[in-house]
Amino acid sequence: MNQVIINKNAQKQLQKLPLHIVRKLQLWAEQVEMLGIREVRKISGYHDEPLQANRIGQRSVRLSKAYRAFYIEHENDIIVEVIEVNKHEY
């Protein structure tokens, strides 16, 4: 069974975000828990990608054109920890 954890920092950020972004993250988390992170990565709409520079080891998913969620995988992809949700700067 897969598990998605939203850490305290990300929970705090979610309180200030639009409801449709919160719902999109909830949908993504439900899909990860049902299908596994490897299968959800195949869904092109999320644009799941590994990050570089000071964020090596982290990945991001697109929740909308403006918002992204950043996460880390633990224990062989069984636990996914959302560490940050914010507005992406282009």
Protein backbone atom coordinates (compact mmCIF):
# COMPACT_ATOMS: atom_id res chain seq x y z
CA MET A 1 0.00 0.00 0.00
CA ASN A 2 1.25 3.46 -0.87
CA GLN A 3 0.95 6.43 1.44
CA VAL A 4 1.07 10.18 0.84
CA ILE A 5 2.10 12.40 3.75
CA ILE A 6 1.69 16.17 3.64
CA ASN A 7 4.21 17.69 6.04
CA LYS A 8 3.41 20.62 8.34
CA ASN A 9 4.97 23.21 6.05
CA ALA A 10 2.87 22.08 3.08
CA GLN A 11 -0.29 21.88 5.25
CA LYS A 12 0.25 25.48 6.30
CA GLN A 13 0.70 26.56 2.68
CA LEU A 14 -2.47 24.73 1.60
CA GLN A 15 -4.56 26.83 4.01
CA LYS A 16 -3.74 29.93 1.95
CA LEU A 17 -4.25 28.43 -1.52
CA PRO A 18 -7.36 28.41 -3.72
CA LEU A 19 -9.72 25.50 -3.07
CA HIS A 20 -9.31 24.07 -6.59
CA ILE A 21 -5.56 23.68 -6.00
CA VAL A 22 -6.16 21.89 -2.70
CA ARG A 23 -8.62 19.55 -4.43
CA LYS A 24 -6.16 18.86 -7.25
CA LEU A 25 -3.50 17.87 -4.70
CA GLN A 26 -6.02 15.65 -2.92
CA LEU A 27 -6.86 13.96 -6.24
CA TRP A 28 -3.16 13.42 -7.01
CA ALA A 29 -2.60 11.97 -3.50
CA GLU A 30 -5.57 9.59 -3.88
CA GLN A 31 -4.24 8.40 -7.23
CA VAL A 32 -0.78 7.82 -5.77
CA GLU A 33 -2.26 5.81 -2.91
CA MET A 34 -4.39 3.70 -5.27
CA LEU A 35 -2.06 3.25 -8.25
CA GLY A 36 1.41 3.97 -6.90
CA ILE A 37 3.71 6.85 -7.70
CA ARG A 38 5.29 5.13 -10.73
CA GLU A 39 1.91 4.78 -12.45
CA VAL A 40 0.79 8.31 -11.60
CA ARG A 41 4.02 9.68 -13.10
CA LYS A 42 2.82 8.35 -16.45
CA ILE A 43 -0.16 10.73 -16.39
CA SER A 44 1.11 13.52 -18.64
CA GLY A 45 -1.08 16.26 -17.17
CA TYR A 46 0.92 16.29 -13.93
CA HIS A 47 4.26 16.94 -15.67
CA ASP A 48 6.03 15.00 -12.91
CA GLU A 49 9.74 15.76 -13.11
CA PRO A 50 12.92 15.41 -11.07
CA LEU A 51 14.42 18.66 -9.86
CA GLN A 52 18.00 19.89 -10.04
CA ALA A 53 20.47 22.18 -8.25
CA ASN A 54 19.52 22.72 -4.60
CA ARG A 55 16.44 20.48 -4.99
CA ILE A 56 18.20 17.26 -6.06
CA GLY A 57 16.27 14.28 -4.70
CA GLN A 58 12.96 16.13 -4.97
CA ARG A 59 10.33 15.96 -7.68
CA SER A 60 7.49 18.29 -8.66
CA VAL A 61 4.01 17.85 -10.08
CA ARG A 62 1.90 20.49 -11.77
CA LEU A 63 -1.40 21.18 -10.02
CA SER A 64 -2.33 24.00 -12.40
CA LYS A 65 -0.48 26.27 -14.77
CA ALA A 66 0.64 28.37 -11.81
CA TYR A 67 0.93 25.93 -8.87
CA ARG A 68 3.28 23.04 -8.20
CA ALA A 69 3.68 20.50 -5.42
CA PHE A 70 7.15 19.33 -4.44
CA TYR A 71 7.68 15.90 -2.96
CA ILE A 72 10.26 13.37 -1.79
CA GLU A 73 9.98 9.59 -2.02
CA HIS A 74 10.79 7.39 0.99
CA GLU A 75 11.14 3.63 1.47
CA ASN A 76 11.23 2.37 -2.11
CA ASP A 77 8.45 4.63 -3.40
CA ILE A 78 5.97 3.40 -0.77
CA ILE A 79 5.80 6.70 1.12
CA VAL A 80 5.57 10.02 -0.72
CA GLU A 81 6.04 13.17 1.37
CA VAL A 82 4.69 16.45 0.01
CA ILE A 83 7.09 19.08 1.31
CA GLU A 84 5.91 22.25 -0.40
CA VAL A 85 3.07 23.65 -2.51
CA ASN A 86 3.56 27.03 -4.08
CA LYS A 87 3.06 29.28 -7.04
CA HIS A 88 5.60 28.47 -9.73
CA GLU A 89 7.60 31.38 -11.06
CA TYR A 90 8.31 31.30 -14.78
